[in-house]
C-alpha cells in the first residue's frame, strides 16, 4: 500500500481487513455509551423488553466508530512507517 508516496509494506486487501477489524471492535466499545433502557426511563409499553434501549442513537455511534477506527488505523500506519522492516 502506498500512501502519500510512502510505501507502507501493507497490501490494500490487508489494510481494508485491518480497518474493518478496528471498526468492528470500536463499534462494540461505543455501543453502550449513552444507552438508557425502557426500565430506567419508566416508559412501559406492553410487549417491550425492559432492557431495550429507548433511543440507541445508532447513526451517531456509527460516525464515532468510524472516527475511532480511522484514528487507530492511522496510528498503525504511522507505526508501520517508522519501524524498520
PDB file of N, CA and C in Angstrom:
ATOM      1  N   UNK A   1       0.858  -1.167   0.000  1.00  0.00           N
ATOM      2  CA  UNK A   1       0.000   0.000   0.000  1.00  0.00           C
ATOM      3  C   UNK A   1       0.903   1.228   0.000  1.00  0.00           C
ATOM      4  N   UNK A   2       0.603   2.172  -0.874  1.00  0.00           N
ATOM      5  CA  UNK A   2       1.348   3.419  -0.937  1.00  0.00           C
ATOM      6  C   UNK A   2       0.426   4.550  -0.504  1.00  0.00           C
ATOM      7  N   UNK A   3       0.887   5.346   0.432  1.00  0.00           N
ATOM      8  CA  UNK A   3       0.104   6.462   0.941  1.00  0.00           C
ATOM      9  C   UNK A   3       0.971   7.704   0.926  1.00  0.00           C
ATOM     10  N   UNK A   4       0.553   8.722   0.194  1.00  0.00           N
ATOM     11  CA  UNK A   4       1.297   9.963   0.046  1.00  0.00           C
ATOM     12  C   UNK A   4       2.726   9.704  -0.439  1.00  0.00           C
ATOM     13  N   UNK A   5       2.852   8.737  -1.331  1.00  0.00           N
ATOM     14  CA  UNK A   5       4.153   8.428  -1.898  1.00  0.00           C
ATOM     15  C   UNK A   5       5.038   7.581  -1.011  1.00  0.00           C
ATOM     16  N   UNK A   6       4.529   7.116   0.124  1.00  0.00           N
ATOM     17  CA  UNK A   6       5.323   6.305   1.038  1.00  0.00           C
ATOM     18  C   UNK A   6       4.856   4.857   0.959  1.00  0.00           C
ATOM     19  N   UNK A   7       5.801   3.942   0.839  1.00  0.00           N
ATOM     20  CA  UNK A   7       5.469   2.523   0.798  1.00  0.00           C
ATOM     21  C   UNK A   7       5.318   2.013   2.233  1.00  0.00           C
ATOM     22  N   UNK A   8       4.135   1.466   2.558  1.00  0.00           N
ATOM     23  CA  UNK A   8       3.852   1.046   3.934  1.00  0.00           C
ATOM     24  C   UNK A   8       3.990  -0.456   4.150  1.00  0.00           C
ATOM     25  N   UNK A   9       4.404  -1.188   3.140  1.00  0.00           N
ATOM     26  CA  UNK A   9       4.576  -2.637   3.253  1.00  0.00           C
ATOM     27  C   UNK A   9       3.279  -3.308   3.713  1.00  0.00           C
ATOM     28  N   UNK A  10       2.162  -2.842   3.166  1.00  0.00           N
ATOM     29  CA  UNK A  10       0.843  -3.346   3.549  1.00  0.00           C
ATOM     30  C   UNK A  10      -0.004  -3.368   2.293  1.00  0.00           C
ATOM     31  N   UNK A  11      -0.585  -4.525   1.959  1.00  0.00           N
ATOM     32  CA  UNK A  11      -1.414  -4.604   0.752  1.00  0.00           C
ATOM     33  C   UNK A  11      -2.780  -3.971   1.012  1.00  0.00           C
ATOM     34  N   UNK A  12      -3.447  -3.550  -0.055  1.00  0.00           N
ATOM     35  CA  UNK A  12      -4.767  -2.928   0.084  1.00  0.00           C
ATOM     36  C   UNK A  12      -5.787  -3.859   0.733  1.00  0.00           C
ATOM     37  N   UNK A  13      -5.885  -5.135   0.301  1.00  0.00           N
ATOM     38  CA  UNK A  13      -6.861  -6.016   0.976  1.00  0.00           C
ATOM     39  C   UNK A  13      -6.564  -6.201   2.464  1.00  0.00           C
ATOM     40  N   UNK A  14      -5.282  -6.318   2.813  1.00  0.00           N
ATOM     41  CA  UNK A  14      -4.926  -6.451   4.224  1.00  0.00           C
ATOM     42  C   UNK A  14      -5.249  -5.163   4.983  1.00  0.00           C
ATOM     43  N   UNK A  15      -4.993  -4.014   4.373  1.00  0.00           N
ATOM     44  CA  UNK A  15      -5.322  -2.739   5.002  1.00  0.00           C
ATOM     45  C   UNK A  15      -6.815  -2.601   5.245  1.00  0.00           C
ATOM     46  N   UNK A  16      -7.631  -2.999   4.265  1.00  0.00           N
ATOM     47  CA  UNK A  16      -9.084  -2.954   4.440  1.00  0.00           C
ATOM     48  C   UNK A  16      -9.550  -3.914   5.525  1.00  0.00           C
ATOM     49  N   UNK A  17      -8.959  -5.089   5.571  1.00  0.00           N
ATOM     50  CA  UNK A  17      -9.329  -6.068   6.596  1.00  0.00           C
ATOM     51  C   UNK A  17      -8.973  -5.555   7.991  1.00  0.00           C
ATOM     52  N   UNK A  18      -7.821  -4.929   8.115  1.00  0.00           N
ATOM     53  CA  UNK A  18      -7.418  -4.382   9.421  1.00  0.00           C
ATOM     54  C   UNK A  18      -8.331  -3.226   9.816  1.00  0.00           C
ATOM     55  N   UNK A  19      -8.660  -2.346   8.855  1.00  0.00           N
ATOM     56  CA  UNK A  19      -9.566  -1.231   9.176  1.00  0.00           C
ATOM     57  C   UNK A  19     -10.932  -1.757   9.583  1.00  0.00           C
ATOM     58  N   UNK A  20     -11.433  -2.756   8.862  1.00  0.00           N
ATOM     59  CA  UNK A  20     -12.730  -3.345   9.206  1.00  0.00           C
ATOM     60  C   UNK A  20     -12.694  -3.940  10.609  1.00  0.00           C
ATOM     61  N   UNK A  21     -11.606  -4.584  10.962  1.00  0.00           N
ATOM     62  CA  UNK A  21     -11.462  -5.154  12.306  1.00  0.00           C
ATOM     63  C   UNK A  21     -11.448  -4.051  13.361  1.00  0.00           C
ATOM     64  N   UNK A  22     -10.690  -2.984  13.113  1.00  0.00           N
ATOM     65  CA  UNK A  22     -10.697  -1.840  14.032  1.00  0.00           C
ATOM     66  C   UNK A  22     -12.098  -1.257  14.166  1.00  0.00           C
ATOM     67  N   UNK A  23     -12.817  -1.149  13.032  1.00  0.00           N
ATOM     68  CA  UNK A  23     -14.166  -0.574  13.049  1.00  0.00           C
ATOM     69  C   UNK A  23     -15.106  -1.437  13.875  1.00  0.00           C
ATOM     70  N   UNK A  24     -15.025  -2.746  13.694  1.00  0.00           N
ATOM     71  CA  UNK A  24     -15.921  -3.662  14.399  1.00  0.00           C
ATOM     72  C   UNK A  24     -15.658  -3.653  15.901  1.00  0.00           C
ATOM     73  N   UNK A  25     -14.409  -3.661  16.289  1.00  0.00           N
ATOM     74  CA  UNK A  25     -14.060  -3.618  17.710  1.00  0.00           C
ATOM     75  C   UNK A  25     -14.485  -2.277  18.314  1.00  0.00           C
ATOM     76  N   UNK A  26     -14.280  -1.194  17.568  1.00  0.00           N
ATOM     77  CA  UNK A  26     -14.694   0.125  18.046  1.00  0.00           C
ATOM     78  C   UNK A  26     -16.203   0.200  18.207  1.00  0.00           C
ATOM     79  N   UNK A  27     -16.944  -0.438  17.310  1.00  0.00           N
ATOM     80  CA  UNK A  27     -18.402  -0.428  17.404  1.00  0.00           C
ATOM     81  C   UNK A  27     -18.857  -1.039  18.723  1.00  0.00           C
ATOM     82  N   UNK A  28     -18.299  -2.176  19.090  1.00  0.00           N
ATOM     83  CA  UNK A  28     -18.699  -2.808  20.340  1.00  0.00           C
ATOM     84  C   UNK A  28     -18.234  -2.022  21.556  1.00  0.00           C
ATOM     85  N   UNK A  29     -17.187  -1.228  21.410  1.00  0.00           N
ATOM     86  CA  UNK A  29     -16.761  -0.371  22.513  1.00  0.00           C
ATOM     87  C   UNK A  29     -17.680   0.841  22.655  1.00  0.00           C
ATOM     88  N   UNK A  30     -18.238   1.338  21.547  1.00  0.00           N
ATOM     89  CA  UNK A  30     -19.046   2.559  21.543  1.00  0.00           C
ATOM     90  C   UNK A  30     -20.520   2.277  21.828  1.00  0.00           C
ATOM     91  N   UNK A  31     -21.013   1.105  21.496  1.00  0.00           N
ATOM     92  CA  UNK A  31     -22.448   0.813  21.624  1.00  0.00           C
ATOM     93  C   UNK A  31     -23.047   1.112  23.002  1.00  0.00           C
ATOM     94  N   UNK A  32     -22.391   0.819  24.103  1.00  0.00           N
ATOM     95  CA  UNK A  32     -23.027   1.082  25.398  1.00  0.00           C
ATOM     96  C   UNK A  32     -23.109   2.558  25.805  1.00  0.00           C
ATOM     97  N   UNK A  33     -22.390   3.453  25.132  1.00  0.00           N
ATOM     98  CA  UNK A  33     -22.377   4.865  25.536  1.00  0.00           C
ATOM     99  C   UNK A  33     -23.751   5.493  25.376  1.00  0.00           C
ATOM    100  N   UNK A  34     -24.241   6.110  26.431  1.00  0.00           N
ATOM    101  CA  UNK A  34     -25.470   6.881  26.372  1.00  0.00           C
ATOM    102  C   UNK A  34     -26.751   6.084  26.254  1.00  0.00           C
ATOM    103  N   UNK A  35     -26.703   4.800  26.496  1.00  0.00           N
ATOM    104  CA  UNK A  35     -27.900   3.973  26.354  1.00  0.00           C
ATOM    105  C   UNK A  35     -28.734   4.053  27.625  1.00  0.00           C
ATOM    106  N   UNK A  36     -30.011   4.319  27.431  1.00  0.00           N
ATOM    107  CA  UNK A  36     -30.967   4.302  28.542  1.00  0.00           C
ATOM    108  C   UNK A  36     -32.026   3.276  28.189  1.00  0.00           C
ATOM    109  N   UNK A  37     -32.285   2.383  29.104  1.00  0.00           N
ATOM    110  CA  UNK A  37     -33.255   1.326  28.846  1.00  0.00           C
ATOM    111  C   UNK A  37     -34.665   1.800  29.167  1.00  0.00           C
ATOM    112  N   UNK A  38     -35.635   1.030  28.712  1.00  0.00           N
ATOM    113  CA  UNK A  38     -37.036   1.330  28.994  1.00  0.00           C
ATOM    114  C   UNK A  38     -37.272   1.305  30.502  1.00  0.00           C
ATOM    115  N   UNK A  39     -36.624   0.391  31.182  1.00  0.00           N
ATOM    116  CA  UNK A  39     -36.767   0.268  32.635  1.00  0.00           C
ATOM    117  C   UNK A  39     -36.263   1.525  33.352  1.00  0.00           C
ATOM    118  N   UNK A  40     -35.163   2.088  32.887  1.00  0.00           N
ATOM    119  CA  UNK A  40     -34.579   3.276  33.515  1.00  0.00           C
ATOM    120  C   UNK A  40     -35.433   4.528  33.312  1.00  0.00           C
ATOM    121  N   UNK A  41     -36.136   4.599  32.196  1.00  0.00           N
ATOM    122  CA  UNK A  41     -36.930   5.795  31.902  1.00  0.00           C
ATOM    123  C   UNK A  41     -38.380   5.660  32.342  1.00  0.00           C
ATOM    124  N   UNK A  42     -38.775   4.528  32.868  1.00  0.00           N
ATOM    125  CA  UNK A  42     -40.143   4.258  33.323  1.00  0.00           C
ATOM    126  C   UNK A  42     -41.183   4.402  32.216  1.00  0.00           C
ATOM    127  N   UNK A  43     -40.768   4.190  30.969  1.00  0.00           N
ATOM    128  CA  UNK A  43     -41.711   4.191  29.849  1.00  0.00           C
ATOM    129  C   UNK A  43     -42.121   2.739  29.588  1.00  0.00           C
ATOM    130  N   UNK A  44     -43.242   2.351  30.116  1.00  0.00           N
ATOM    131  CA  UNK A  44     -43.674   0.969  29.953  1.00  0.00           C
ATOM    132  C   UNK A  44     -44.618   0.861  28.769  1.00  0.00           C
ATOM    133  N   UNK A  45     -44.295  -0.033  27.872  1.00  0.00           N
ATOM    134  CA  UNK A  45     -45.125  -0.354  26.722  1.00  0.00           C
ATOM    135  C   UNK A  45     -45.308  -1.863  26.717  1.00  0.00           C
ATOM    136  N   UNK A  46     -46.522  -2.329  26.624  1.00  0.00           N
ATOM    137  CA  UNK A  46     -46.737  -3.776  26.629  1.00  0.00           C
ATOM    138  C   UNK A  46     -46.000  -4.456  25.471  1.00  0.00           C
ATOM    139  N   UNK A  47     -45.318  -5.538  25.797  1.00  0.00           N
ATOM    140  CA  UNK A  47     -44.606  -6.316  24.794  1.00  0.00           C
ATOM    141  C   UNK A  47     -43.186  -5.860  24.527  1.00  0.00           C
ATOM    142  N   UNK A  48     -42.718  -4.846  25.232  1.00  0.00           N
ATOM    143  CA  UNK A  48     -41.356  -4.340  25.032  1.00  0.00           C
ATOM    144  C   UNK A  48     -40.482  -4.836  26.174  1.00  0.00           C
ATOM    145  N   UNK A  49     -39.339  -5.370  25.813  1.00  0.00           N
ATOM    146  CA  UNK A  49     -38.372  -5.860  26.798  1.00  0.00           C
ATOM    147  C   UNK A  49     -37.898  -4.694  27.663  1.00  0.00           C
ATOM    148  N   UNK A  50     -37.883  -4.842  28.997  1.00  0.00           N
ATOM    149  CA  UNK A  50     -37.448  -3.739  29.875  1.00  0.00           C
ATOM    150  C   UNK A  50     -36.007  -3.290  29.636  1.00  0.00           C
ATOM    151  N   UNK A  51     -35.180  -4.161  29.124  1.00  0.00           N
ATOM    152  CA  UNK A  51     -33.787  -3.792  28.876  1.00  0.00           C
ATOM    153  C   UNK A  51     -33.551  -3.182  27.505  1.00  0.00           C
ATOM    154  N   UNK A  52     -34.593  -3.036  26.685  1.00  0.00           N
ATOM    155  CA  UNK A  52     -34.441  -2.474  25.347  1.00  0.00           C
ATOM    156  C   UNK A  52     -34.102  -0.987  25.424  1.00  0.00           C
ATOM    157  N   UNK A  53     -33.211  -0.518  24.545  1.00  0.00           N
ATOM    158  CA  UNK A  53     -32.849   0.905  24.589  1.00  0.00           C
ATOM    159  C   UNK A  53     -33.988   1.787  24.086  1.00  0.00           C
ATOM    160  N   UNK A  54     -34.117   2.956  24.697  1.00  0.00           N
ATOM    161  CA  UNK A  54     -35.155   3.895  24.289  1.00  0.00           C
ATOM    162  C   UNK A  54     -34.745   4.592  22.991  1.00  0.00           C
ATOM    163  N   UNK A  55     -33.586   5.179  22.957  1.00  0.00           N
ATOM    164  CA  UNK A  55     -33.071   5.868  21.769  1.00  0.00           C
ATOM    165  C   UNK A  55     -31.613   5.441  21.579  1.00  0.00           C
ATOM    166  N   UNK A  56     -31.339   4.428  20.746  1.00  0.00           N
ATOM    167  CA  UNK A  56     -29.972   3.912  20.643  1.00  0.00           C
ATOM    168  C   UNK A  56     -28.981   4.837  19.934  1.00  0.00           C
ATOM    169  N   UNK A  57     -29.439   5.831  19.191  1.00  0.00           N
ATOM    170  CA  UNK A  57     -28.563   6.794  18.500  1.00  0.00           C
ATOM    171  C   UNK A  57     -27.510   6.092  17.641  1.00  0.00           C
ATOM    172  N   UNK A  58     -27.949   5.172  16.789  1.00  0.00           N
ATOM    173  CA  UNK A  58     -27.021   4.362  16.008  1.00  0.00           C
ATOM    174  C   UNK A  58     -26.241   5.161  14.972  1.00  0.00           C
ATOM    175  N   UNK A  59     -26.843   6.175  14.376  1.00  0.00           N
ATOM    176  CA  UNK A  59     -26.116   6.973  13.377  1.00  0.00           C
ATOM    177  C   UNK A  59     -24.942   7.706  14.026  1.00  0.00           C
ATOM    178  N   UNK A  60     -25.159   8.290  15.189  1.00  0.00           N
ATOM    179  CA  UNK A  60     -24.086   8.984  15.909  1.00  0.00           C
ATOM    180  C   UNK A  60     -22.999   7.992  16.314  1.00  0.00           C
ATOM    181  N   UNK A  61     -23.407   6.818  16.746  1.00  0.00           N
ATOM    182  CA  UNK A  61     -22.434   5.811  17.168  1.00  0.00           C
ATOM    183  C   UNK A  61     -21.641   5.268  15.987  1.00  0.00           C
ATOM    184  N   UNK A  62     -22.288   5.136  14.823  1.00  0.00           N
ATOM    185  CA  UNK A  62     -21.566   4.693  13.628  1.00  0.00           C
ATOM    186  C   UNK A  62     -20.530   5.726  13.213  1.00  0.00           C
ATOM    187  N   UNK A  63     -20.876   6.999  13.319  1.00  0.00           N
ATOM    188  CA  UNK A  63     -19.927   8.064  12.996  1.00  0.00           C
ATOM    189  C   UNK A  63     -18.757   8.068  13.976  1.00  0.00           C
ATOM    190  N   UNK A  64     -19.043   7.939  15.259  1.00  0.00           N
ATOM    191  CA  UNK A  64     -17.985   7.892  16.265  1.00  0.00           C
ATOM    192  C   UNK A  64     -17.103   6.654  16.080  1.00  0.00           C
ATOM    193  N   UNK A  65     -17.725   5.539  15.735  1.00  0.00           N
ATOM    194  CA  UNK A  65     -16.979   4.303  15.471  1.00  0.00           C
ATOM    195  C   UNK A  65     -16.035   4.485  14.294  1.00  0.00           C
ATOM    196  N   UNK A  66     -16.520   5.121  13.231  1.00  0.00           N
ATOM    197  CA  UNK A  66     -15.688   5.368  12.054  1.00  0.00           C
ATOM    198  C   UNK A  66     -14.514   6.261  12.406  1.00  0.00           C
ATOM    199  N   UNK A  67     -14.759   7.278  13.210  1.00  0.00           N
ATOM    200  CA  UNK A  67     -13.693   8.178  13.634  1.00  0.00           C
ATOM    201  C   UNK A  67     -12.648   7.448  14.483  1.00  0.00           C
ATOM    202  N   UNK A  68     -13.095   6.654  15.441  1.00  0.00           N
ATOM    203  CA  UNK A  68     -12.154   5.908  16.287  1.00  0.00           C
ATOM    204  C   UNK A  68     -11.345   4.899  15.479  1.00  0.00           C
ATOM    205  N   UNK A  69     -12.007   4.203  14.554  1.00  0.00           N
ATOM    206  CA  UNK A  69     -11.297   3.229  13.724  1.00  0.00           C
ATOM    207  C   UNK A  69     -10.286   3.917  12.818  1.00  0.00           C
ATOM    208  N   UNK A  70     -10.626   5.091  12.298  1.00  0.00           N
ATOM    209  CA  UNK A  70      -9.692   5.831  11.448  1.00  0.00           C
ATOM    210  C   UNK A  70      -8.470   6.287  12.243  1.00  0.00           C
ATOM    211  N   UNK A  71      -8.690   6.732  13.477  1.00  0.00           N
ATOM    212  CA  UNK A  71      -7.570   7.145  14.328  1.00  0.00           C
ATOM    213  C   UNK A  71      -6.666   5.954  14.642  1.00  0.00           C
ATOM    214  N   UNK A  72      -7.274   4.813  14.976  1.00  0.00           N
ATOM    215  CA  UNK A  72      -6.484   3.618  15.280  1.00  0.00           C
ATOM    216  C   UNK A  72      -5.720   3.144  14.042  1.00  0.00           C
ATOM    217  N   UNK A  73      -6.363   3.193  12.884  1.00  0.00           N
ATOM    218  CA  UNK A  73      -5.708   2.761  11.650  1.00  0.00           C
ATOM    219  C   UNK A  73      -4.584   3.719  11.278  1.00  0.00           C
ATOM    220  N   UNK A  74      -4.797   5.010  11.468  1.00  0.00           N
ATOM    221  CA  UNK A  74      -3.731   5.984  11.200  1.00  0.00           C
ATOM    222  C   UNK A  74      -2.546   5.743  12.138  1.00  0.00           C
ATOM    223  N   UNK A  75      -2.846   5.407  13.386  1.00  0.00           N
ATOM    224  CA  UNK A  75      -1.771   5.067  14.314  1.00  0.00           C
ATOM    225  C   UNK A  75      -0.978   3.864  13.852  1.00  0.00           C
ATOM    226  N   UNK A  76      -1.672   2.859  13.345  1.00  0.00           N
ATOM    227  CA  UNK A  76      -0.993   1.684  12.813  1.00  0.00           C
ATOM    228  C   UNK A  76      -0.113   2.057  11.623  1.00  0.00           C
ATOM    229  N   UNK A  77      -0.636   2.895  10.725  1.00  0.00           N
ATOM    230  CA  UNK A  77       0.150   3.301   9.560  1.00  0.00           C
ATOM    231  C   UNK A  77       1.391   4.091   9.973  1.00  0.00           C
ATOM    232  N   UNK A  78       1.274   4.906  10.997  1.00  0.00           N
ATOM    233  CA  UNK A  78       2.431   5.656  11.493  1.00  0.00           C
ATOM    234  C   UNK A  78       3.473   4.702  12.065  1.00  0.00           C
ATOM    235  N   UNK A  79       3.015   3.734  12.833  1.00  0.00           N
ATOM    236  CA  UNK A  79       3.946   2.749  13.400  1.00  0.00           C
ATOM    237  C   UNK A  79       4.629   1.969  12.284  1.00  0.00           C
ATOM    238  N   UNK A  80       3.862   1.562  11.267  1.00  0.00           N
ATOM    239  CA  UNK A  80       4.452   0.819  10.156  1.00  0.00           C
ATOM    240  C   UNK A  80       5.444   1.669   9.383  1.00  0.00           C
ATOM    241  N   UNK A  81       5.191   2.952   9.276  1.00  0.00           N
ATOM    242  CA  UNK A  81       6.076   3.825   8.529  1.00  0.00           C
ATOM    243  C   UNK A  81       7.412   4.017   9.223  1.00  0.00           C
ATOM    244  N   UNK A  82       7.381   4.095  10.533  1.00  0.00           N
ATOM    245  CA  UNK A  82       8.607   4.430  11.255  1.00  0.00           C
ATOM    246  C   UNK A  82       9.318   3.229  11.873  1.00  0.00           C
ATOM    247  N   UNK A  83       8.840   2.038  11.610  1.00  0.00           N
ATOM    248  CA  UNK A  83       9.565   0.852  12.061  1.00  0.00           C
ATOM    249  C   UNK A  83      10.341   0.282  10.891  1.00  0.00           C
ATOM    250  N   UNK A  84      11.501  -0.190  11.174  1.00  0.00           N
ATOM    251  CA  UNK A  84      12.324  -0.782  10.119  1.00  0.00           C
ATOM    252  C   UNK A  84      11.841  -2.184   9.849  1.00  0.00           C
ATOM    253  N   UNK A  85      11.876  -2.541   8.568  1.00  0.00           N
ATOM    254  CA  UNK A  85      11.473  -3.915   8.216  1.00  0.00           C
ATOM    255  C   UNK A  85      12.614  -4.680   7.604  1.00  0.00           C
TER     256      UNK A  85
END
